[in-house]
Protein backbone atom coordinates (compact mmCIF):
# COMPACT_ATOMS: atom_id res chain seq x y z
CA MET A 1 9.66 -10.23 14.41
CA PRO A 2 7.95 -12.10 17.25
CA ALA A 3 9.66 -15.37 18.14
CA ASN A 4 6.66 -17.47 17.13
CA VAL A 5 6.57 -16.11 13.55
CA PRO A 6 8.67 -18.26 11.20
CA THR A 7 11.13 -16.65 8.82
CA TYR A 8 11.03 -17.32 5.10
CA ALA A 9 14.31 -19.20 5.46
CA SER A 10 12.70 -21.65 7.88
CA LEU A 11 9.44 -21.87 5.94
CA PHE A 12 11.15 -22.91 2.74
CA ALA A 13 14.23 -24.66 4.13
CA ASP A 14 13.11 -28.06 2.88
CA HIS A 15 12.73 -26.76 -0.67
CA ALA A 16 16.14 -25.10 -0.51
CA ARG A 17 17.79 -28.32 0.72
CA ARG A 18 16.06 -30.36 -1.97
CA LEU A 19 17.03 -27.96 -4.75
CA SER A 20 20.63 -27.71 -3.56
CA GLN A 21 21.06 -31.17 -5.05
CA THR A 22 19.76 -30.10 -8.48
CA HIS A 23 21.82 -27.98 -10.90
CA LEU A 24 20.20 -25.27 -13.00
CA ARG A 25 21.19 -27.31 -16.03
CA THR A 26 18.60 -29.87 -15.02
CA LEU A 27 15.93 -27.32 -14.11
CA ILE A 28 16.27 -25.42 -17.40
CA ALA A 29 15.79 -28.61 -19.40
CA ASP A 30 12.20 -28.86 -18.11
CA ALA A 31 10.12 -27.12 -20.81
CA ALA A 32 6.94 -27.10 -18.73
CA ARG A 33 8.76 -25.37 -15.91
CA GLY A 34 10.10 -22.79 -18.35
CA ALA A 35 6.62 -22.02 -19.63
CA ARG A 36 5.40 -21.33 -16.09
CA LEU A 37 8.33 -19.01 -15.43
CA ARG A 38 8.08 -16.98 -18.63
CA HIS A 39 5.27 -14.41 -18.88
CA ARG A 40 4.41 -11.29 -20.84
CA ALA A 41 2.63 -8.07 -19.91
CA GLY A 42 2.20 -5.82 -22.94
CA PRO A 43 5.65 -4.90 -24.34
CA LEU A 44 7.55 -6.68 -21.52
CA LEU A 45 8.60 -10.32 -21.34
CA LEU A 46 9.84 -11.64 -17.99
CA ASP A 47 11.86 -14.87 -18.04
CA LEU A 48 12.57 -16.41 -14.62
CA SER A 49 13.50 -19.84 -15.92
CA ARG A 50 17.13 -19.38 -14.82
CA GLN A 51 16.16 -18.86 -11.18
CA LYS A 52 17.10 -21.70 -8.81
CA LEU A 53 13.60 -22.91 -7.97
CA ASP A 54 11.12 -25.45 -9.31
CA MET A 55 7.34 -25.54 -9.38
CA ARG A 56 7.01 -27.04 -5.91
CA ALA A 57 9.07 -24.21 -4.45
CA LEU A 58 7.27 -21.56 -6.53
CA ASP A 59 3.85 -22.86 -5.49
CA ALA A 60 4.93 -22.81 -1.85
CA LEU A 61 6.05 -19.21 -2.23
CA GLY A 62 2.77 -18.38 -3.95
CA ALA A 63 0.76 -19.99 -1.16
CA GLN A 64 2.59 -17.79 1.33
CA LEU A 65 1.78 -14.76 -0.81
CA GLU A 66 -1.90 -15.68 -0.95
CA ALA A 67 -1.99 -16.19 2.81
CA SER A 68 -0.62 -12.65 3.25
CA SER A 69 -3.78 -11.03 1.78
CA TRP A 70 -1.65 -9.30 -0.83
CA GLU A 71 -4.59 -8.43 -3.05
CA ALA A 72 -6.34 -6.55 -0.25
CA ALA A 73 -3.11 -4.68 0.52
CA ARG A 74 -2.67 -3.85 -3.18
CA ASP A 75 -6.24 -2.59 -3.46
CA ALA A 76 -5.78 -0.45 -0.35
CA MET A 77 -2.84 1.28 -1.99
CA PHE A 78 -4.72 1.98 -5.22
CA ALA A 79 -7.72 3.29 -3.22
CA GLY A 80 -5.63 5.81 -1.32
CA GLU A 81 -5.81 4.33 2.15
CA PRO A 82 -3.03 5.68 4.43
CA ILE A 83 -0.69 2.72 4.09
CA ASN A 84 2.31 4.97 4.83
CA THR A 85 1.51 4.60 8.50
CA SER A 86 4.49 6.42 10.02
CA GLU A 87 3.43 9.62 8.24
CA ASP A 88 -0.29 8.80 8.03
CA ARG A 89 -0.28 9.31 4.28
CA ALA A 90 -1.86 7.72 1.26
CA VAL A 91 0.39 6.28 -1.45
CA LEU A 92 -1.11 7.37 -4.75
CA HIS A 93 1.62 7.39 -7.37
CA THR A 94 -0.61 5.02 -9.36
CA ALA A 95 -3.31 7.71 -9.45
CA LEU A 96 -0.88 9.96 -11.33
CA ARG A 97 -1.28 7.73 -14.38
CA ALA A 98 -4.79 6.41 -13.73
CA GLY A 99 -6.24 8.51 -16.54
CA ALA A 100 -4.67 6.08 -19.02
CA SER A 101 -5.92 2.94 -17.24
CA SER A 102 -8.49 0.61 -18.77
CA MET A 103 -9.84 -0.09 -15.27
CA PRO A 104 -11.79 2.31 -13.05
CA SER A 105 -9.56 4.10 -10.58
CA PRO A 106 -10.53 3.72 -6.91
CA ALA A 107 -8.40 6.75 -5.96
CA PRO A 108 -10.21 9.68 -4.31
CA ALA A 109 -11.96 11.86 -6.88
CA GLY A 110 -10.44 15.04 -5.46
CA ALA A 111 -6.91 13.74 -5.93
CA ARG A 112 -7.70 12.64 -9.47
CA ARG A 113 -9.04 16.11 -10.34
CA GLU A 114 -5.90 17.79 -8.98
CA ILE A 115 -3.71 15.39 -10.92
CA GLU A 116 -5.52 15.96 -14.21
CA ALA A 117 -5.45 19.74 -13.72
CA THR A 118 -1.69 19.57 -13.20
CA LEU A 119 -1.23 17.42 -16.29
CA GLU A 120 -3.18 20.00 -18.27
CA ARG A 121 -0.88 22.76 -16.95
CA ILE A 122 2.18 20.71 -17.88
CA GLY A 123 0.78 20.19 -21.37
CA GLN A 124 0.10 23.89 -21.85
CA LEU A 125 3.61 24.83 -20.75
CA VAL A 126 5.33 22.18 -22.86
CA ASP A 127 3.27 22.94 -25.95
CA ALA A 128 3.99 26.66 -25.57
CA ILE A 129 7.76 26.13 -25.33
CA HIS A 130 7.84 23.65 -28.19
CA GLY A 131 5.77 26.08 -30.25
CA GLY A 132 7.98 29.05 -29.40
CA GLN A 133 5.14 30.77 -27.52
CA GLN A 134 6.63 30.64 -24.02
CA ALA A 135 6.95 34.42 -23.71
CA ALA A 136 3.15 34.59 -23.47
CA LEU A 137 3.46 32.58 -20.24
CA GLY A 138 6.00 35.00 -18.79
CA LEU A 139 9.04 32.88 -19.67
CA PRO A 140 12.15 33.93 -21.66
CA ASP A 141 11.61 34.88 -25.29
CA THR A 142 13.98 32.08 -26.34
CA VAL A 143 14.59 28.81 -24.50
CA THR A 144 17.39 26.55 -25.72
CA ASP A 145 18.30 24.65 -22.53
CA ILE A 146 16.39 23.18 -19.59
CA VAL A 147 18.24 22.57 -16.32
CA ASN A 148 16.55 20.27 -13.79
CA ILE A 149 17.84 20.91 -10.26
CA GLY A 150 16.91 18.24 -7.75
CA ILE A 151 18.31 15.29 -5.89
CA GLY A 152 17.16 11.74 -5.14
CA GLY A 153 13.65 11.21 -6.44
CA SER A 154 13.63 14.75 -7.83
CA ASP A 155 16.47 13.79 -10.16
CA LEU A 156 16.86 10.05 -10.73
CA GLY A 157 13.51 9.35 -12.39
CA PRO A 158 13.54 12.26 -14.85
CA ARG A 159 17.25 11.73 -15.52
CA LEU A 160 16.71 8.04 -16.32
CA ALA A 161 13.72 8.72 -18.55
CA VAL A 162 15.24 11.62 -20.49
CA ALA A 163 18.35 9.57 -21.26
CA ALA A 164 16.40 6.39 -22.06
CA LEU A 165 14.07 8.20 -24.44
CA ALA A 166 16.75 10.17 -26.27
CA PRO A 167 15.42 9.03 -29.70
CA PHE A 168 12.09 10.68 -28.83
CA ARG A 169 13.49 14.03 -27.70
CA THR A 170 12.44 17.19 -29.47
CA PRO A 171 15.25 19.23 -31.02
CA LYS A 172 13.66 22.37 -29.55
CA VAL A 173 15.51 22.22 -26.20
CA ARG A 174 18.49 20.48 -24.63
CA SER A 175 18.15 18.83 -21.21
CA HIS A 176 20.61 19.00 -18.31
CA PHE A 177 20.52 17.70 -14.74
CA LEU A 178 22.21 19.26 -11.75
CA THR A 179 22.01 17.25 -8.56
CA ASN A 180 25.21 16.92 -6.54
CA VAL A 181 26.24 19.60 -4.09
CA ASP A 182 29.74 19.37 -5.60
CA GLY A 183 30.23 22.79 -7.16
CA GLN A 184 32.25 21.41 -10.05
CA ALA A 185 29.10 20.19 -11.81
CA ALA A 186 27.38 23.58 -11.47
CA TYR A 187 30.50 25.42 -12.57
CA ASP A 188 30.96 23.24 -15.64
CA LEU A 189 27.33 23.75 -16.60
CA ILE A 190 27.27 27.54 -16.37
CA THR A 191 30.43 27.80 -18.44
CA ARG A 192 28.70 25.94 -21.29
CA LEU A 193 25.21 27.47 -21.35
CA ASP A 194 23.77 30.87 -22.23
CA PRO A 195 22.00 32.28 -19.15
CA LYS A 196 19.62 34.33 -21.27
CA THR A 197 18.18 31.24 -22.98
CA THR A 198 18.26 28.84 -20.03
CA LEU A 199 15.13 27.78 -18.15
CA VAL A 200 15.70 26.24 -14.70
CA VAL A 201 13.31 23.75 -13.08
CA ILE A 202 13.87 23.51 -9.31
CA VAL A 203 12.33 20.35 -7.88
CA SER A 204 12.06 20.09 -4.10
CA LYS A 205 9.03 19.08 -2.06
CA THR A 206 9.98 21.26 0.91
CA PHE A 207 12.08 23.77 -1.01
CA THR A 208 14.62 23.48 1.80
CA THR A 209 16.87 20.71 0.42
CA GLN A 210 20.46 21.86 0.91
CA GLU A 211 21.92 20.53 -2.33
CA THR A 212 19.04 21.83 -4.43
CA LEU A 213 19.04 25.34 -2.98
CA LEU A 214 22.82 25.69 -3.21
CA ASN A 215 22.71 24.83 -6.90
CA GLY A 216 19.60 26.96 -7.40
CA ASN A 217 21.36 29.96 -5.89
CA VAL A 218 24.37 29.42 -8.14
CA LEU A 219 22.20 29.48 -11.26
CA ARG A 220 20.13 32.35 -9.93
CA GLY A 221 23.26 34.46 -9.39
CA TRP A 222 24.52 33.52 -12.85
CA ILE A 223 21.28 34.56 -14.54
CA LEU A 224 20.96 37.67 -12.34
CA GLU A 225 24.35 38.89 -13.54
CA ALA A 226 23.37 38.29 -17.17
CA CYS A 227 20.15 40.26 -16.59
CA ASN A 228 21.99 43.21 -15.05
CA GLY A 229 20.36 42.67 -11.67
CA ASP A 230 16.79 42.80 -12.99
CA GLU A 231 14.91 40.53 -10.53
CA ARG A 232 11.74 40.47 -12.63
CA GLU A 233 13.69 39.30 -15.65
CA VAL A 234 15.42 36.63 -13.57
CA ALA A 235 12.05 35.29 -12.38
CA ARG A 236 11.13 34.47 -15.99
CA HIS A 237 13.90 31.86 -16.05
CA PHE A 238 12.66 29.72 -13.15
CA LEU A 239 10.00 27.09 -12.67
CA ALA A 240 9.49 25.17 -9.44
CA VAL A 241 7.90 21.86 -8.50
CA SER A 242 7.19 21.96 -4.79
CA ALA A 243 4.64 21.45 -2.05
CA ASN A 244 5.93 24.59 -0.32
CA THR A 245 4.68 27.32 -2.64
CA GLU A 246 5.22 30.03 -0.01
CA VAL A 247 8.95 29.37 0.33
CA ALA A 248 9.38 28.82 -3.42
CA GLY A 249 7.65 32.13 -4.05
CA SER A 250 9.76 34.01 -1.51
CA TRP A 251 12.86 32.52 -3.14
CA GLY A 252 11.82 34.16 -6.38
CA VAL A 253 9.63 31.82 -8.42
CA PRO A 254 6.30 33.42 -9.44
CA LEU A 255 3.25 31.53 -8.22
CA LYS A 256 2.03 30.86 -11.75
CA GLN A 257 5.34 29.10 -12.44
CA ILE A 258 5.10 26.71 -9.48
CA PHE A 259 3.75 23.20 -10.02
CA PRO A 260 2.44 21.10 -7.13
CA MET A 261 3.82 18.10 -5.30
CA TRP A 262 1.59 16.12 -2.99
CA ASP A 263 2.14 14.31 0.29
CA PHE A 264 0.51 11.23 -1.21
CA VAL A 265 3.43 10.78 -3.65
CA GLY A 266 6.93 9.93 -2.42
CA GLY A 267 9.88 11.39 -4.28
CA ARG A 268 11.14 8.10 -5.71
CA TYR A 269 7.64 7.38 -7.07
CA SER A 270 7.08 10.86 -8.52
CA LEU A 271 8.32 10.69 -12.13
CA TRP A 272 4.66 10.53 -13.22
CA SER A 273 3.86 13.92 -11.61
CA ALA A 274 5.13 17.44 -12.27
CA VAL A 275 8.51 16.09 -11.09
CA GLY A 276 8.59 14.71 -14.65
CA LEU A 277 8.27 18.22 -16.09
CA SER A 278 11.79 18.09 -17.51
CA LEU A 279 10.89 14.79 -19.20
CA ALA A 280 7.76 16.30 -20.72
CA LEU A 281 9.83 19.24 -21.95
CA ALA A 282 12.28 16.81 -23.52
CA ILE A 283 9.86 14.45 -25.31
CA GLY A 284 6.69 16.52 -25.56
CA THR A 285 3.23 16.24 -24.05
CA GLN A 286 2.22 13.25 -26.14
CA GLY A 287 5.40 11.38 -25.22
CA PHE A 288 4.94 12.13 -21.52
CA ARG A 289 1.36 10.92 -21.64
CA ALA A 290 2.63 7.74 -23.32
CA VAL A 291 4.98 7.11 -20.38
CA LEU A 292 1.98 7.41 -18.07
CA ALA A 293 0.01 5.04 -20.29
CA GLY A 294 2.78 2.45 -20.06
CA GLY A 295 2.75 2.68 -16.28
CA ALA A 296 -1.04 2.42 -16.23
CA ARG A 297 -0.91 -0.71 -18.38
CA MET A 298 1.35 -2.36 -15.81
CA ASP A 299 -1.00 -1.16 -13.05
CA ASP A 300 -3.88 -2.91 -14.79
CA HIS A 301 -1.83 -6.08 -15.09
CA PHE A 302 -0.85 -5.93 -11.42
CA ARG A 303 -4.48 -5.41 -10.39
CA SER A 304 -5.94 -8.17 -12.55
CA ALA A 305 -3.48 -11.02 -13.16
CA PRO A 306 -3.30 -13.99 -10.76
CA TRP A 307 0.02 -14.28 -8.98
CA GLN A 308 1.07 -17.19 -11.21
CA GLU A 309 1.13 -14.79 -14.20
CA ASN A 310 1.65 -11.49 -12.39
CA LEU A 311 5.06 -10.04 -13.27
CA PRO A 312 5.53 -7.87 -10.14
CA ALA A 313 4.35 -10.72 -7.90
CA LEU A 314 6.73 -13.20 -9.51
CA LEU A 315 9.67 -10.79 -9.26
CA ALA A 316 8.89 -10.23 -5.57
CA LEU A 317 8.69 -13.96 -4.85
CA VAL A 318 12.02 -14.55 -6.57
CA GLU A 319 13.57 -11.80 -4.45
CA ILE A 320 12.23 -13.40 -1.26
CA TRP A 321 13.66 -16.73 -2.42
CA ASN A 322 17.11 -15.34 -3.27
CA ARG A 323 17.44 -12.91 -0.37
CA ASP A 324 15.85 -14.75 2.53
CA VAL A 325 15.90 -18.42 1.61
CA LEU A 326 19.18 -18.73 -0.32
CA GLY A 327 20.81 -15.85 1.55
CA TYR A 328 22.24 -13.81 -1.32
CA PRO A 329 22.99 -10.29 0.00
CA THR A 330 23.27 -8.39 -3.30
CA ARG A 331 21.57 -8.22 -6.71
CA GLY A 332 23.10 -6.91 -9.90
CA VAL A 333 21.18 -4.93 -12.52
CA VAL A 334 22.74 -5.06 -15.98
CA PRO A 335 20.82 -3.38 -18.80
CA TYR A 336 22.11 -4.32 -22.24
CA ALA A 337 21.25 -0.86 -23.56
CA ASP A 338 23.34 2.26 -23.16
CA LEU A 339 20.14 4.30 -23.06
CA LEU A 340 19.26 2.52 -19.78
CA GLY A 341 22.60 3.32 -18.18
CA ASP A 342 20.90 5.17 -15.32
CA LEU A 343 18.59 2.26 -14.47
CA PRO A 344 20.87 0.70 -11.80
CA SER A 345 21.13 4.04 -9.96
CA TYR A 346 17.38 4.57 -10.22
CA LEU A 347 16.65 1.12 -8.82
CA GLN A 348 19.16 1.63 -6.04
CA GLN A 349 17.04 4.44 -4.69
CA LEU A 350 13.67 2.89 -5.47
CA GLU A 351 14.54 -0.37 -3.74
CA MET A 352 17.11 0.46 -1.10
CA GLU A 353 15.46 3.65 0.17
CA SER A 354 12.06 1.97 0.16
CA LEU A 355 13.07 -1.37 1.65
CA GLY A 356 16.18 -0.54 3.66
CA LYS A 357 14.34 -1.09 6.95
CA SER A 358 15.01 -3.36 9.90
CA VAL A 359 11.91 -2.67 12.01
CA THR A 360 8.18 -3.03 11.34
CA PRO A 361 5.65 -0.20 11.54
CA GLN A 362 4.98 -1.49 15.07
CA GLY A 363 8.63 -0.87 16.02
CA GLN A 364 9.54 -4.56 16.19
CA PRO A 365 12.66 -6.09 14.56
CA VAL A 366 11.92 -7.58 11.14
CA GLY A 367 13.83 -10.70 12.11
CA GLN A 368 15.11 -11.60 8.65
CA PRO A 369 17.08 -9.95 5.83
CA THR A 370 15.26 -7.30 3.81
CA VAL A 371 16.54 -5.43 0.77
CA PRO A 372 19.67 -6.71 -0.97
CA VAL A 373 22.34 -4.26 -2.04
CA VAL A 374 21.44 -3.23 -5.60
CA TRP A 375 24.27 -2.40 -7.99
CA GLY A 376 25.24 -2.71 -11.63
CA SER A 377 26.11 -1.05 -14.92
CA VAL A 378 25.52 -1.52 -18.63
CA GLY A 379 26.48 -4.64 -20.58
CA THR A 380 28.71 -5.40 -22.40
CA ASN A 381 30.97 -3.05 -20.39
CA ALA A 382 30.09 -4.96 -17.23
CA GLN A 383 31.34 -8.20 -18.75
CA HIS A 384 34.84 -6.72 -18.96
CA ALA A 385 34.72 -5.38 -15.40
CA TYR A 386 33.18 -7.66 -12.79
CA PHE A 387 31.66 -10.64 -14.62
CA GLN A 388 34.81 -12.65 -13.87
CA ALA A 389 33.75 -12.58 -10.21
CA LEU A 390 30.15 -13.37 -11.10
CA HIS A 391 31.19 -16.48 -13.04
CA GLN A 392 34.04 -17.86 -10.97
CA GLY A 393 34.11 -15.88 -7.73
CA THR A 394 33.13 -17.21 -4.33
CA GLU A 395 29.93 -15.14 -4.03
CA VAL A 396 26.71 -15.82 -5.94
CA VAL A 397 25.04 -12.64 -7.20
CA PRO A 398 21.57 -12.93 -8.78
CA LEU A 399 21.20 -10.65 -11.79
CA ASP A 400 18.49 -8.75 -13.60
CA LEU A 401 19.47 -8.67 -17.27
CA ILE A 402 17.42 -6.19 -19.32
CA GLY A 403 17.42 -6.17 -23.11
CA ILE A 404 15.70 -4.51 -26.06
CA VAL A 405 14.41 -6.60 -28.97
CA ASN A 406 14.12 -3.81 -31.55
CA PRO A 407 16.69 -0.98 -31.28
CA ALA A 408 16.04 2.67 -32.07
CA HIS A 409 19.00 2.73 -34.48
CA PRO A 410 19.70 0.99 -37.82
CA LEU A 411 22.95 -0.73 -36.72
CA HIS A 412 21.43 -4.18 -36.46
CA GLY A 413 24.78 -5.96 -36.57
CA ASN A 414 25.78 -4.22 -33.36
CA HIS A 415 22.43 -4.94 -31.80
CA ASP A 416 22.49 -8.63 -32.64
CA ALA A 417 25.93 -8.86 -31.01
CA LEU A 418 24.58 -7.03 -27.94
CA LEU A 419 21.59 -9.38 -27.59
CA SER A 420 23.76 -12.43 -28.15
CA ASN A 421 25.95 -11.32 -25.25
CA LEU A 422 22.94 -10.90 -22.97
CA LEU A 423 21.64 -14.37 -23.81
CA ALA A 424 25.10 -15.90 -23.59
CA GLN A 425 25.80 -14.47 -20.14
CA ALA A 426 22.46 -15.70 -18.82
CA ALA A 427 23.20 -19.16 -20.23
CA ALA A 428 26.81 -19.28 -19.03
CA LEU A 429 25.93 -18.19 -15.51
CA ALA A 430 23.27 -20.85 -15.27
CA LEU A 431 24.89 -23.76 -17.10
CA GLY A 432 28.55 -23.27 -16.30
CA LYS A 433 31.28 -25.62 -17.58
CA THR A 434 32.36 -28.78 -15.82
CA THR A 435 35.97 -29.77 -15.23
CA GLU A 436 35.47 -32.69 -17.57
CA GLU A 437 34.25 -30.37 -20.31
CA ALA A 438 37.18 -28.01 -19.75
CA LEU A 439 39.64 -30.94 -19.91
CA ALA A 440 38.05 -32.24 -23.10
CA GLU A 441 38.47 -28.83 -24.73
CA ASN A 442 42.16 -28.69 -23.90
CA PRO A 443 43.59 -32.08 -22.93
CA ALA A 444 47.16 -30.79 -23.12
CA GLY A 445 46.50 -28.37 -20.29
CA GLY A 446 45.87 -31.18 -17.87
CA PRO A 447 43.66 -31.11 -14.77
CA THR A 448 45.34 -28.05 -13.24
CA LEU A 449 44.41 -25.76 -16.14
CA ALA A 450 41.02 -27.47 -16.49
CA ALA A 451 40.20 -26.61 -12.88
CA GLN A 452 40.93 -22.94 -13.60
CA ARG A 453 38.73 -23.06 -16.70
CA THR A 454 35.81 -24.64 -14.86
CA PHE A 455 32.65 -22.58 -14.36
CA PRO A 456 30.40 -23.76 -11.53
CA GLY A 457 27.26 -22.30 -13.13
CA ASP A 458 24.08 -22.68 -11.10
CA ARG A 459 24.02 -18.88 -10.78
CA PRO A 460 20.58 -17.30 -11.13
CA SER A 461 19.40 -14.47 -13.32
CA SER A 462 16.15 -12.93 -14.50
CA VAL A 463 15.78 -11.63 -18.04
CA VAL A 464 13.45 -8.76 -18.96
CA LEU A 465 13.00 -8.11 -22.69
CA LEU A 466 11.31 -4.97 -23.98
CA ASP A 467 9.90 -5.12 -27.51
CA ALA A 468 11.44 -1.68 -28.04
CA LEU A 469 12.53 1.15 -25.75
CA THR A 470 9.58 3.51 -26.12
CA PRO A 471 7.78 5.85 -23.74
CA GLU A 472 5.15 3.14 -23.17
CA SER A 473 7.60 0.32 -22.47
CA LEU A 474 9.77 2.47 -20.20
CA GLY A 475 6.68 3.42 -18.20
CA ALA A 476 5.74 -0.24 -17.90
CA LEU A 477 9.27 -1.22 -16.82
CA ILE A 478 9.41 1.40 -14.07
CA ALA A 479 5.93 0.49 -12.81
CA LEU A 480 6.95 -3.19 -12.78
CA TYR A 481 9.72 -2.46 -10.29
CA GLU A 482 7.52 -0.09 -8.26
CA HIS A 483 4.97 -2.83 -7.70
CA LYS A 484 7.66 -5.36 -6.89
CA VAL A 485 8.91 -3.01 -4.16
CA PHE A 486 5.38 -2.58 -2.79
CA LEU A 487 4.90 -6.35 -2.54
CA LEU A 488 8.27 -6.88 -0.89
CA GLY A 489 7.40 -4.27 1.72
CA HIS A 490 4.13 -6.09 2.30
CA LEU A 491 5.81 -9.50 2.58
CA TRP A 492 8.58 -8.27 4.87
CA GLY A 493 6.11 -6.32 7.00
CA ILE A 494 7.87 -2.98 6.57
CA ASN A 495 6.79 0.46 5.37
CA ALA A 496 8.18 0.96 1.87
CA PHE A 497 7.04 4.58 1.68
CA ASP A 498 8.95 6.47 4.37
CA GLN A 499 12.69 7.11 4.52
CA TRP A 500 13.72 8.18 8.00
CA GLY A 501 17.18 6.74 7.40
CA VAL A 502 18.20 9.69 5.22
CA GLU A 503 17.52 12.25 7.94
CA LEU A 504 20.25 11.63 10.55
CA GLY A 505 23.22 12.31 8.30
CA LYS A 506 21.54 15.43 6.91
CA SER A 507 20.95 16.82 10.41
CA ILE A 508 24.57 16.14 11.44
CA ALA A 509 25.79 17.84 8.23
CA ARG A 510 23.90 20.96 9.24
CA GLN A 511 25.75 20.88 12.58
CA ILE A 512 29.16 20.39 10.93
CA LEU A 513 28.80 23.14 8.33
CA PRO A 514 29.40 26.07 10.75
CA ALA A 515 32.59 24.38 11.99
CA LEU A 516 33.89 24.06 8.44
CA ARG A 517 33.15 27.75 7.91
CA GLY A 518 35.01 28.68 11.07
CA GLU A 519 31.91 29.85 12.91
CA GLN A 520 33.05 28.27 16.15
CA SER A 521 30.48 29.96 18.37
CA ASP A 522 27.66 28.22 16.50
CA VAL A 523 29.16 24.73 16.56
CA PRO A 524 27.36 22.15 18.72
CA PRO A 525 29.40 19.39 20.37
CA LEU A 526 30.77 16.96 17.78
CA ASP A 527 32.43 13.57 18.20
CA ALA A 528 36.20 13.38 18.46
CA ALA A 529 36.74 11.66 15.09
CA THR A 530 34.73 14.31 13.26
CA CYS A 531 36.52 17.13 15.06
CA ALA A 532 39.88 15.63 14.09
CA LEU A 533 38.93 15.56 10.42
CA ILE A 534 37.60 19.13 10.54
CA GLY A 535 40.94 20.15 11.99
CA ALA A 536 42.81 18.30 9.25
CA ILE A 537 40.71 20.06 6.61
CA HIS A 538 41.44 23.49 8.11
CA GLU A 539 45.18 22.72 8.24
CA ARG A 540 45.37 21.90 4.54
CA ARG A 541 43.03 24.54 3.13
CA THR A 542 44.62 27.09 0.82
């Protein structure tokens, strides 16, 4: 960042100093403030009233947002301008769900036609399998299990959605995900499934991803053996989602069984495309379209609501406040719903791969902190793991607490207890307990014990409540975070749509692999520490 451009910490330092003298207990008591920090978009309610800022600070943040021309940047993304400047690409994941929008889509007509044609193909395939007619499409006569092979954005989105929408799954097929290069996962899977009734979906934009192809080859060999070496029969068991149809075809997937990926959609934004094929197979065409509709509803909200009521804008401003102004380096994500157990992992990639940048598109240092470390797990399990540190530890960790108002099960006693824990943790983190209150509760313990039972409070959290966990609300929730990431990239002046940082380690791994295999003549020079570990591995191999 050029020296004459102020950081957010310096811009809002006066507000931070002023608010450091005011406890969240006092801020929460202001009902008018709470009303301005609590907003709904369709099935989602966002409550930011437990964030450590008041209306003066929020309005200052909003003024900075308005001065950044955020609406023009937003509209450029929706219109398909090449805002991914390092790769000269459009960013059109919103166009994938534009067919369900109530607003006209500004995306290029050609892209919209391709998207709709692909959705029609997905619908035909899914309906055929659910209707037992897949053999007419050249697939196995019987399909009982779907295995999605992919990694990163080719895995996390579909995996999250299939698990979250378990109550909406069809009993026709079972879903499985194979992602890690660790062979144990592949081995465990093939010992449990029937190769003759398994359909494999290989998801890879380039069809060269090491982990994906290794796992694909394992399943291909497994099915080939079951088919007595009949290559044509094996081909019936594979679908592919890829931009590289030539390589996918040469690997053994028939052209008619390959679905497209486009350069204008990044992997971590691709659930809405054919990358979501395994989701569509799990919940049906209508359910998949409902996920798209939920995302489109959030798109419409993002495009039309003023920043004061705009959920993605407000989330982004709170992140700027916590990360850059207050200096908190991490953020916890705690969904109070087992079905959303994969949400922290999904958001890790969405946010940290998108925003883990330290230079601008012009190659200049950003000059201030960007993405916080995102981590978390499901409540109430989390409460019995690391919430002790969150309440009484030396570090302040802002939280996203996500809850469901109406569960998909009839055990309402359990669900009331779950929701009460969510609300209680948000309250306890914010309000705390003074030493005087602790002493009054247990006078016999004296001041020493009271000090240990004191909670400082003043610890921020955001609460997101979904009316119910449905395809529509899940789509809206994911789109909410997507748009927050876009705005943060805009405000930090970084490109949220490339990911060069994942390339270096992958290229070094390709250099190391021959050394591990003992192919010494093909090994390029490696650093001394790596060579020492390779030697240690060879010494202990059996």
